[in-house]
Amino acid sequence: MARRIDPRAVFNRVALLAMLLFALPVTARAQPSGGNLLGPAWGVRPWLNQYGVTFGLSETGEVFGNATGGLHRGATYDGLTEASVGVDLARAFGLQGGIFNVSAFQIHGRSLSQDNLDNINTISGIEASRATRLWELWYDQQFADGQFDTKIGLQSLDQEFITSPSAGLFANTMFGWPALPSYDMYAGGPAYPLSSLGVRGRANLGRFTVLGGVFDDNPGGGPFENDPQPANGGSEIFNLKTGALMIAEIDYALNSPVSGEMASDDASPGLPGLYKLGAWFDSANFPDLRYDDRHRPFSSPDSDGNPLMRRHNFAVYGVVDQMIWRPNPNKARSISVFTRLMGAPGDRNLVDFAGNLGLALHEPLEGRSADSLVFGGGFTKLARNATEASRSAQDFAGPGVYSPIRTSESYLELAYQYFPVAWLLLQPDLQYVFTPGGGIANSSRPDRRISNEFVAGLRFNVSF
């Protein structure tokens, strides 16, 4: 039997550590967040760099616990070890514009969201089933001095598509790879901790960037499940059994330097921003969440349990990430706001609308140029047929059976990214989840819904 962790003791330790971190002198200077603990690694890094080879190694770990709500209260630890190797083929073999990349990771610990919370918008972007995985394996070839490039191989879409620089500072999963594709794509889509075989093209057209690609739509290789990626314990490296996932995106960079343009000396640059519009289409079939193949509700005693299959799936999305305040263009201190909205059909998906928004204050304390204070939140609406399925279940439930109707889940997050040294990130983090699971019954106390969850934790990242 697993040993229960006293949540009060966990929170006391987290609070004490956070107090010690914030008590450090404000005048302490953090270097830019690109350093490594091992530095030149006894000369290995510069020696390899002569031949175009770079390597990365990092460890991310975190303790999160819920003081309220959930299936039960408690705390967990989870961690991620990531390793990558890149080869510049121009230096290695004289092939101009060629880049080879391979990465892998080892996931350890336990998931608070899966064990304690049963929420939709999982607490941490590194939560996943314990495993050692090959992640990405691709070759990228540039053309026309980098204006165009093509990438082929195993790829994770969350590295390039639907991204927001400011949203990436948060811990909650859905500020990274959003809730809608996490639940509406096969196995959560080709995103951490999975990847898919495919080809991606990119064109840099001044302030516009156009991205597009075709990928295997099912990185897990199994039947469709409306489960988040942390519940997926295995995958196939090359799976071509279900359908093709096509995705396209156009980005516009406002007030950002453009290659070939002359800098203006008579005016300070405007506040930079990033605007994105995109869509994805999946050629596979998707199960209806409400009706079986005879158009009867799943909750009906007459249902055969085989879902009605809907042809194809798609979604559209938009991203805005805009700096709104910067007193000095030569300083890091600034405020950026962001929002990201996505929509999909309501008859074949668990989620038909998801959005998040927030703000990021860079250099919140004078001299802390690498630090950021972030606050944001998100809303995930369950699709029409998912809500109606819970309504039908309520209609068919027996006397005295509690069967709530699921609607939506929302969340808030407050975090501080602190770099005491260049190679170490410490991030105290607070989150609050409203109507976990969209309002599902608590499996530990099936006569009521899961109550709102207050979660606190501390994340660290070490770059070796």
Protein backbone atom coordinates (compact mmCIF):
# COMPACT_ATOMS: atom_id res chain seq x y z
CA MET A 1 0.00 0.00 0.00
CA ALA A 2 1.38 3.41 -0.99
CA ARG A 3 2.44 5.63 1.87
CA ARG A 4 0.18 8.67 2.25
CA ILE A 5 1.92 12.03 2.17
CA ASP A 6 0.83 14.64 4.69
CA PRO A 7 -0.21 17.62 2.53
CA ARG A 8 0.37 20.08 5.38
CA ALA A 9 4.00 19.03 5.70
CA VAL A 10 4.49 19.36 1.93
CA PHE A 11 2.99 22.83 1.81
CA ASN A 12 5.00 23.94 4.83
CA ARG A 13 8.23 22.91 3.09
CA VAL A 14 7.22 24.51 -0.19
CA ALA A 15 6.29 27.73 1.59
CA LEU A 16 9.59 27.78 3.51
CA LEU A 17 11.61 27.23 0.34
CA ALA A 18 9.66 29.95 -1.49
CA MET A 19 10.32 32.39 1.38
CA LEU A 20 14.05 31.64 1.24
CA LEU A 21 14.10 32.16 -2.53
CA PHE A 22 12.33 35.51 -2.39
CA ALA A 23 14.46 36.60 0.56
CA LEU A 24 17.61 36.55 -1.58
CA PRO A 25 18.97 40.07 -2.20
CA VAL A 26 17.28 41.88 -5.05
CA THR A 27 20.70 43.04 -6.21
CA ALA A 28 21.73 39.46 -7.01
CA ARG A 29 22.10 39.28 -10.77
CA ALA A 30 20.85 36.30 -12.78
CA GLN A 31 22.61 35.67 -16.05
CA PRO A 32 20.58 35.02 -19.20
CA SER A 33 18.93 31.62 -19.03
CA GLY A 34 21.18 29.92 -21.61
CA GLY A 35 24.03 28.67 -19.42
CA ASN A 36 25.00 25.12 -18.57
CA LEU A 37 26.11 23.64 -15.25
CA LEU A 38 28.99 21.78 -16.89
CA GLY A 39 30.00 24.72 -19.07
CA PRO A 40 32.44 23.47 -21.76
CA ALA A 41 32.24 19.98 -20.16
CA TRP A 42 36.03 19.60 -19.85
CA GLY A 43 36.49 20.73 -23.43
CA VAL A 44 34.07 18.22 -24.96
CA ARG A 45 31.52 20.82 -26.08
CA PRO A 46 33.94 23.09 -28.02
CA TRP A 47 35.68 20.05 -29.53
CA LEU A 48 32.38 18.63 -30.80
CA ASN A 49 31.28 22.06 -31.98
CA GLN A 50 34.22 22.12 -34.40
CA TYR A 51 32.50 19.26 -36.21
CA GLY A 52 29.02 20.77 -35.97
CA VAL A 53 27.82 18.58 -33.12
CA THR A 54 25.93 20.01 -30.14
CA PHE A 55 24.31 18.15 -27.28
CA GLY A 56 21.90 19.09 -24.56
CA LEU A 57 21.02 17.47 -21.25
CA SER A 58 18.52 18.77 -18.72
CA GLU A 59 16.57 17.61 -15.70
CA THR A 60 13.17 19.00 -14.77
CA GLY A 61 11.54 18.01 -11.50
CA GLU A 62 8.60 19.25 -9.48
CA VAL A 63 6.55 18.69 -6.37
CA PHE A 64 2.85 19.53 -6.62
CA GLY A 65 0.12 18.96 -4.06
CA ASN A 66 -3.57 19.79 -3.71
CA ALA A 67 -4.71 21.35 -0.45
CA THR A 68 -8.39 21.25 -1.42
CA GLY A 69 -10.63 19.25 -3.74
CA GLY A 70 -9.68 16.32 -5.90
CA LEU A 71 -10.29 12.64 -5.30
CA HIS A 72 -8.16 13.03 -2.19
CA ARG A 73 -5.53 15.47 -0.92
CA GLY A 74 -1.83 14.80 -1.15
CA ALA A 75 1.34 15.54 -3.09
CA THR A 76 3.43 13.85 -5.76
CA TYR A 77 6.84 14.22 -7.38
CA ASP A 78 7.46 13.82 -11.08
CA GLY A 79 10.48 14.45 -13.26
CA LEU A 80 11.79 14.53 -16.81
CA THR A 81 15.32 13.91 -18.05
CA GLU A 82 15.79 15.13 -21.62
CA ALA A 83 18.79 14.57 -23.90
CA SER A 84 19.32 15.81 -27.46
CA VAL A 85 22.02 15.78 -30.13
CA GLY A 86 22.13 18.10 -33.11
CA VAL A 87 24.46 17.98 -36.11
CA ASP A 88 25.15 20.91 -38.44
CA LEU A 89 25.89 19.03 -41.64
CA ALA A 90 27.67 22.01 -43.17
CA ARG A 91 30.41 21.69 -40.58
CA ALA A 92 30.29 17.94 -40.34
CA PHE A 93 30.17 17.00 -44.06
CA GLY A 94 30.03 20.23 -46.04
CA LEU A 95 26.29 19.89 -46.81
CA GLN A 96 25.06 23.48 -46.60
CA GLY A 97 21.78 24.09 -44.79
CA GLY A 98 21.37 20.56 -43.42
CA ILE A 99 20.56 19.88 -39.78
CA PHE A 100 20.04 16.50 -38.09
CA ASN A 101 18.40 16.22 -34.67
CA VAL A 102 17.58 13.37 -32.29
CA SER A 103 16.15 13.64 -28.78
CA ALA A 104 14.95 11.29 -26.07
CA PHE A 105 13.76 11.48 -22.51
CA GLN A 106 13.17 9.50 -19.37
CA ILE A 107 9.95 10.24 -17.46
CA HIS A 108 9.77 9.35 -13.78
CA GLY A 109 7.61 9.97 -10.74
CA ARG A 110 3.83 10.18 -10.49
CA SER A 111 1.17 12.46 -11.96
CA LEU A 112 -0.83 14.55 -9.48
CA SER A 113 -3.54 15.18 -12.08
CA GLN A 114 -4.04 11.47 -12.73
CA ASP A 115 -3.69 10.28 -9.13
CA ASN A 116 -5.43 13.06 -7.17
CA LEU A 117 -7.28 15.56 -9.34
CA ASP A 118 -9.08 13.89 -12.28
CA ASN A 119 -9.08 17.25 -14.05
CA ILE A 120 -9.12 18.13 -17.76
CA ASN A 121 -6.45 20.84 -17.78
CA THR A 122 -3.61 18.87 -16.24
CA ILE A 123 -1.39 20.68 -13.76
CA SER A 124 1.99 20.16 -15.39
CA GLY A 125 3.26 19.93 -18.95
CA ILE A 126 5.75 17.19 -18.04
CA GLU A 127 3.19 14.83 -16.50
CA ALA A 128 3.13 11.54 -18.39
CA SER A 129 3.36 7.80 -17.83
CA ARG A 130 6.77 6.64 -16.61
CA ALA A 131 8.83 5.59 -19.62
CA THR A 132 12.07 6.00 -21.53
CA ARG A 133 11.25 7.25 -25.01
CA LEU A 134 12.78 8.27 -28.28
CA TRP A 135 11.09 11.61 -28.96
CA GLU A 136 12.12 13.43 -32.13
CA LEU A 137 14.28 12.18 -35.00
CA TRP A 138 14.36 14.46 -38.03
CA TYR A 139 16.38 16.03 -40.82
CA ASP A 140 15.90 19.68 -41.83
CA GLN A 141 17.19 21.14 -45.09
CA GLN A 142 17.28 24.89 -45.74
CA PHE A 143 17.09 26.58 -49.13
CA ALA A 144 17.62 30.13 -50.44
CA ASP A 145 19.77 31.23 -47.49
CA GLY A 146 17.26 29.93 -44.98
CA GLN A 147 14.20 31.57 -46.49
CA PHE A 148 12.67 28.13 -47.02
CA ASP A 149 13.22 24.82 -45.25
CA THR A 150 11.77 21.32 -45.14
CA LYS A 151 11.83 18.96 -42.18
CA ILE A 152 11.15 15.21 -42.41
CA GLY A 153 11.06 12.53 -39.72
CA LEU A 154 9.59 12.00 -36.26
CA GLN A 155 8.29 15.37 -35.07
CA SER A 156 6.37 16.78 -32.12
CA LEU A 157 3.98 19.50 -33.28
CA ASP A 158 4.03 21.40 -30.00
CA GLN A 159 7.56 22.55 -30.84
CA GLU A 160 6.43 24.74 -33.74
CA PHE A 161 2.63 24.88 -34.14
CA ILE A 162 0.04 26.67 -31.95
CA THR A 163 2.79 28.10 -29.74
CA SER A 164 2.86 31.32 -27.72
CA PRO A 165 6.18 32.52 -26.21
CA SER A 166 4.51 34.06 -23.16
CA ALA A 167 2.25 31.06 -22.55
CA GLY A 168 5.33 28.82 -22.51
CA LEU A 169 6.37 30.31 -19.15
CA PHE A 170 3.54 28.53 -17.31
CA ALA A 171 3.51 25.03 -15.83
CA ASN A 172 -0.06 23.97 -16.69
CA THR A 173 -0.10 21.63 -19.67
CA MET A 174 -2.72 23.58 -21.58
CA PHE A 175 -0.57 26.70 -21.80
CA GLY A 176 1.68 24.52 -23.96
CA TRP A 177 -0.18 21.98 -26.11
CA PRO A 178 -3.81 23.14 -25.72
CA ALA A 179 -6.73 21.16 -24.31
CA LEU A 180 -8.60 20.87 -27.59
CA PRO A 181 -6.04 18.83 -29.56
CA SER A 182 -5.04 17.00 -26.37
CA TYR A 183 -8.51 15.47 -26.18
CA ASP A 184 -9.76 15.60 -29.77
CA MET A 185 -6.77 14.04 -31.58
CA TYR A 186 -5.78 10.38 -31.49
CA ALA A 187 -3.64 9.76 -28.36
CA GLY A 188 -3.55 13.50 -27.74
CA GLY A 189 -1.84 14.19 -31.06
CA PRO A 190 1.85 14.26 -32.02
CA ALA A 191 2.93 16.29 -28.99
CA TYR A 192 4.86 15.57 -25.79
CA PRO A 193 5.36 12.83 -24.80
CA LEU A 194 4.75 11.46 -28.32
CA SER A 195 5.73 12.29 -31.89
CA SER A 196 4.70 11.24 -35.40
CA LEU A 197 6.31 10.61 -38.74
CA GLY A 198 5.72 13.47 -41.15
CA VAL A 199 7.01 16.28 -43.30
CA ARG A 200 6.86 20.00 -42.53
CA GLY A 201 7.57 22.94 -44.84
CA ARG A 202 8.26 26.54 -43.82
CA ALA A 203 8.65 29.80 -45.74
CA ASN A 204 9.95 33.03 -44.20
CA LEU A 205 8.40 35.91 -46.12
CA GLY A 206 9.51 39.07 -44.37
CA ARG A 207 7.33 39.54 -41.31
CA PHE A 208 5.16 36.59 -42.37
CA THR A 209 6.02 32.95 -41.77
CA VAL A 210 3.99 30.15 -43.34
CA LEU A 211 4.09 26.65 -41.81
CA GLY A 212 2.43 23.52 -43.11
CA GLY A 213 2.80 19.78 -42.71
CA VAL A 214 1.35 16.31 -43.12
CA PHE A 215 1.79 13.78 -40.29
CA ASP A 216 0.58 10.42 -39.10
CA ASP A 217 -2.43 11.29 -36.97
CA ASN A 218 -2.08 8.50 -34.39
CA PRO A 219 1.26 8.49 -32.53
CA GLY A 220 -0.07 5.93 -30.05
CA GLY A 221 -1.06 3.45 -32.73
CA GLY A 222 -4.13 2.19 -30.85
CA PRO A 223 -7.88 2.88 -30.93
CA PHE A 224 -9.13 6.38 -30.29
CA GLU A 225 -9.52 7.35 -26.63
CA ASN A 226 -10.67 10.64 -25.18
CA ASP A 227 -7.90 10.49 -22.62
CA PRO A 228 -5.06 12.95 -22.03
CA GLN A 229 -1.54 11.99 -23.01
CA PRO A 230 -0.44 11.18 -19.44
CA ALA A 231 -2.73 8.16 -19.59
CA ASN A 232 -1.09 6.84 -22.74
CA GLY A 233 1.60 4.41 -21.73
CA GLY A 234 2.91 3.24 -25.08
CA SER A 235 3.36 4.23 -28.69
CA GLU A 236 4.50 2.95 -32.05
CA ILE A 237 7.37 4.77 -33.74
CA PHE A 238 5.91 4.42 -37.24
CA ASN A 239 2.14 4.06 -37.37
CA LEU A 240 0.27 4.60 -40.64
CA LYS A 241 -2.95 2.76 -39.79
CA THR A 242 -5.60 5.42 -39.19
CA GLY A 243 -5.31 8.66 -41.16
CA ALA A 244 -3.35 11.73 -42.11
CA LEU A 245 -3.15 14.85 -39.98
CA MET A 246 -2.70 18.04 -42.02
CA ILE A 247 -1.92 21.33 -40.31
CA ALA A 248 -1.20 24.82 -41.63
CA GLU A 249 -0.40 28.10 -39.90
CA ILE A 250 0.47 31.67 -40.91
CA ASP A 251 2.37 33.88 -38.46
CA TYR A 252 2.85 37.64 -38.50
CA ALA A 253 5.64 39.26 -36.46
CA LEU A 254 4.80 42.88 -35.60
CA ASN A 255 7.65 45.35 -35.02
CA SER A 256 10.28 42.62 -35.24
CA PRO A 257 13.56 42.87 -37.19
CA VAL A 258 13.37 41.57 -40.74
CA SER A 259 16.40 40.23 -42.55
CA GLY A 260 17.63 42.70 -45.17
CA GLU A 261 15.88 45.75 -43.71
CA MET A 262 17.87 48.76 -42.54
CA ALA A 263 17.41 49.68 -38.89
CA SER A 264 15.88 53.08 -38.24
CA ASP A 265 18.02 55.53 -36.28
CA ASP A 266 15.45 58.28 -35.81
CA ALA A 267 12.78 56.35 -33.95
CA SER A 268 12.64 53.68 -31.27
CA PRO A 269 11.16 50.36 -32.43
CA GLY A 270 7.50 49.69 -31.69
CA LEU A 271 6.34 47.06 -29.24
CA PRO A 272 6.78 43.59 -30.78
CA GLY A 273 3.94 41.14 -31.16
CA LEU A 274 3.22 37.75 -32.69
CA TYR A 275 -0.09 36.89 -34.40
CA LYS A 276 -1.02 33.42 -35.66
CA LEU A 277 -3.91 31.86 -37.52
CA GLY A 278 -4.09 28.16 -38.28
CA ALA A 279 -6.16 25.03 -38.79
CA TRP A 280 -5.79 21.26 -38.80
CA PHE A 281 -7.68 18.48 -40.58
CA ASP A 282 -7.65 14.75 -39.84
CA SER A 283 -8.78 12.26 -42.50
CA ALA A 284 -9.57 9.46 -40.02
CA ASN A 285 -12.91 8.47 -38.49
CA PHE A 286 -13.84 9.64 -34.99
CA PRO A 287 -16.32 8.13 -32.50
CA ASP A 288 -19.44 10.04 -31.55
CA LEU A 289 -19.53 10.57 -27.78
CA ARG A 290 -23.30 10.32 -27.44
CA TYR A 291 -24.71 7.76 -29.91
CA ASP A 292 -23.93 4.18 -30.84
CA ASP A 293 -23.94 2.90 -34.42
CA ARG A 294 -27.74 2.45 -34.20
CA HIS A 295 -28.18 6.09 -33.11
CA ARG A 296 -29.11 5.15 -29.57
CA PRO A 297 -27.61 6.87 -26.51
CA PHE A 298 -24.75 4.92 -24.96
CA SER A 299 -26.46 5.12 -21.59
CA SER A 300 -29.57 3.37 -22.94
CA PRO A 301 -29.99 -0.29 -21.90
CA ASP A 302 -30.57 -1.04 -25.60
CA SER A 303 -27.23 0.36 -26.74
CA ASP A 304 -24.79 -2.08 -28.31
CA GLY A 305 -21.82 -0.01 -27.09
CA ASN A 306 -20.33 0.45 -30.56
CA PRO A 307 -19.91 4.17 -31.29
CA LEU A 308 -21.28 5.89 -34.34
CA MET A 309 -18.22 6.85 -36.39
CA ARG A 310 -17.96 10.34 -37.84
CA ARG A 311 -15.87 10.99 -40.93
CA HIS A 312 -12.93 13.32 -40.50
CA ASN A 313 -12.20 16.01 -37.93
CA PHE A 314 -10.86 19.56 -37.94
CA ALA A 315 -10.21 22.63 -35.81
CA VAL A 316 -9.28 26.28 -36.28
CA TYR A 317 -7.21 28.42 -33.94
CA GLY A 318 -5.74 31.86 -33.38
CA VAL A 319 -2.92 33.15 -31.18
CA VAL A 320 -2.06 36.69 -30.10
CA ASP A 321 1.09 37.45 -28.08
CA GLN A 322 1.69 41.19 -27.80
CA MET A 323 4.04 43.30 -25.69
CA ILE A 324 2.07 46.24 -24.26
CA TRP A 325 4.64 48.02 -22.05
CA ARG A 326 8.40 48.49 -22.25
CA PRO A 327 9.90 51.62 -20.65
CA ASN A 328 13.33 51.06 -22.18
CA PRO A 329 13.91 49.18 -25.46
CA ASN A 330 17.39 48.21 -24.24
CA LYS A 331 16.11 46.57 -21.05
CA ALA A 332 14.29 43.30 -20.42
CA ARG A 333 11.58 44.89 -18.24
CA SER A 334 8.28 44.65 -20.12
CA ILE A 335 4.73 43.34 -19.97
CA SER A 336 3.25 41.02 -22.60
CA VAL A 337 -0.31 39.75 -22.90
CA PHE A 338 -1.44 36.71 -24.83
CA THR A 339 -4.53 34.78 -25.76
CA ARG A 340 -5.16 31.60 -27.74
CA LEU A 341 -8.57 30.37 -28.93
CA MET A 342 -9.53 27.09 -30.64
CA GLY A 343 -12.78 25.61 -31.94
CA ALA A 344 -13.85 22.19 -33.31
CA PRO A 345 -17.07 20.29 -34.20
CA GLY A 346 -19.23 19.32 -31.24
CA ASP A 347 -20.48 15.92 -32.44
CA ARG A 348 -17.19 13.93 -32.51
CA ASN A 349 -15.03 15.63 -29.91
CA LEU A 350 -14.82 15.84 -26.15
CA VAL A 351 -13.84 19.53 -26.35
CA ASP A 352 -15.35 21.94 -28.91
CA PHE A 353 -13.88 25.19 -27.55
CA ALA A 354 -10.80 25.99 -25.49
CA GLY A 355 -9.01 29.21 -24.74
CA ASN A 356 -6.42 30.66 -22.43
CA LEU A 357 -5.07 34.12 -21.77
CA GLY A 358 -2.67 35.82 -19.41
CA LEU A 359 0.15 38.27 -18.93
CA ALA A 360 3.87 38.04 -18.31
CA LEU A 361 5.98 40.63 -16.49
CA HIS A 362 9.64 40.27 -17.48
CA GLU A 363 12.31 41.53 -15.05
CA PRO A 364 9.76 42.09 -12.27
CA LEU A 365 12.56 43.19 -9.91
CA GLU A 366 15.31 45.58 -10.92
CA GLY A 367 18.35 43.66 -12.13
CA ARG A 368 16.51 40.31 -12.40
CA SER A 369 16.61 40.36 -16.21
CA ALA A 370 16.03 36.62 -16.66
CA ASP A 371 13.11 36.37 -14.22
CA SER A 372 9.39 36.51 -15.08
CA LEU A 373 6.18 36.82 -13.09
CA VAL A 374 3.18 35.33 -14.91
CA PHE A 375 -0.55 35.16 -14.27
CA GLY A 376 -3.14 33.57 -16.51
CA GLY A 377 -6.07 31.26 -16.86
CA GLY A 378 -8.01 29.12 -19.26
CA PHE A 379 -11.45 27.78 -20.10
CA THR A 380 -12.30 24.41 -21.64
CA LYS A 381 -15.85 23.78 -22.82
CA LEU A 382 -17.03 20.22 -23.26
CA ALA A 383 -18.60 19.58 -26.65
CA ARG A 384 -22.33 19.47 -27.24
CA ASN A 385 -22.57 15.68 -27.59
CA ALA A 386 -20.35 15.12 -24.54
CA THR A 387 -22.67 17.26 -22.42
CA GLU A 388 -25.76 15.61 -23.89
CA ALA A 389 -24.25 12.18 -23.21
CA SER A 390 -24.01 13.04 -19.51
CA ARG A 391 -27.58 14.34 -19.65
CA SER A 392 -28.74 11.04 -21.17
CA ALA A 393 -26.84 9.15 -18.49
CA GLN A 394 -28.73 11.16 -15.90
CA ASP A 395 -32.05 10.28 -17.57
CA PHE A 396 -31.25 6.56 -17.57
CA ALA A 397 -29.67 6.49 -14.10
CA GLY A 398 -31.48 4.45 -11.51
CA PRO A 399 -33.13 5.91 -8.40
CA GLY A 400 -30.65 7.38 -5.98
CA VAL A 401 -27.76 7.32 -8.49
CA TYR A 402 -25.92 10.62 -8.67
CA SER A 403 -25.14 11.45 -12.30
CA PRO A 404 -24.12 15.11 -12.85
CA ILE A 405 -24.14 16.89 -16.20
CA ARG A 406 -20.68 17.86 -17.45
CA THR A 407 -20.21 21.32 -18.94
CA SER A 408 -16.79 22.98 -18.63
CA GLU A 409 -13.62 23.39 -16.58
CA SER A 410 -11.54 26.52 -15.98
CA TYR A 411 -8.31 27.27 -14.16
CA LEU A 412 -5.99 30.04 -12.93
CA GLU A 413 -2.21 30.00 -12.48
CA LEU A 414 0.28 32.33 -10.79
CA ALA A 415 4.00 31.57 -11.10
CA TYR A 416 7.42 33.17 -10.72
CA GLN A 417 10.37 32.02 -12.83
CA TYR A 418 13.55 32.66 -10.84
CA PHE A 419 17.11 32.10 -12.15
CA PRO A 420 19.58 32.20 -9.24
CA VAL A 421 22.27 31.21 -11.78
CA ALA A 422 22.14 30.79 -15.54
CA TRP A 423 21.76 27.00 -15.50
CA LEU A 424 19.12 26.71 -12.75
CA LEU A 425 15.43 27.61 -12.89
CA LEU A 426 13.24 27.60 -9.78
CA GLN A 427 9.51 28.17 -10.24
CA PRO A 428 7.08 28.45 -7.31
CA ASP A 429 3.60 27.86 -8.73
CA LEU A 430 -0.02 28.22 -7.59
CA GLN A 431 -3.06 26.93 -9.51
CA TYR A 432 -6.80 26.81 -8.90
CA VAL A 433 -9.19 24.52 -10.83
CA PHE A 434 -12.92 25.26 -11.09
CA THR A 435 -15.39 22.37 -11.69
CA PRO A 436 -12.70 19.68 -12.20
CA GLY A 437 -13.45 17.25 -15.00
CA GLY A 438 -16.22 19.53 -16.20
CA GLY A 439 -18.31 18.60 -13.16
CA ILE A 440 -17.91 14.83 -12.90
CA ALA A 441 -18.81 12.78 -9.88
CA ASN A 442 -16.09 12.09 -7.33
CA SER A 443 -15.18 8.40 -7.58
CA SER A 444 -14.12 8.49 -3.91
CA ARG A 445 -17.47 10.03 -2.89
CA PRO A 446 -19.87 9.25 -5.74
CA ASP A 447 -22.73 11.23 -4.18
CA ARG A 448 -21.12 14.55 -5.09
CA ARG A 449 -18.96 16.28 -7.68
CA ILE A 450 -15.23 16.78 -7.32
CA SER A 451 -14.85 20.08 -5.50
CA ASN A 452 -12.63 22.92 -6.68
CA GLU A 453 -8.91 22.26 -6.35
CA PHE A 454 -6.17 24.51 -4.96
CA VAL A 455 -2.74 23.29 -6.03
CA ALA A 456 0.70 24.55 -5.02
CA GLY A 457 4.11 23.37 -6.07
CA LEU A 458 7.70 24.06 -6.95
CA ARG A 459 9.42 23.22 -10.23
CA PHE A 460 13.15 23.20 -10.97
CA ASN A 461 15.14 22.80 -14.16
CA VAL A 462 18.88 22.17 -14.41
CA SER A 463 20.65 22.57 -17.76
CA PHE A 464 23.81 20.48 -17.83
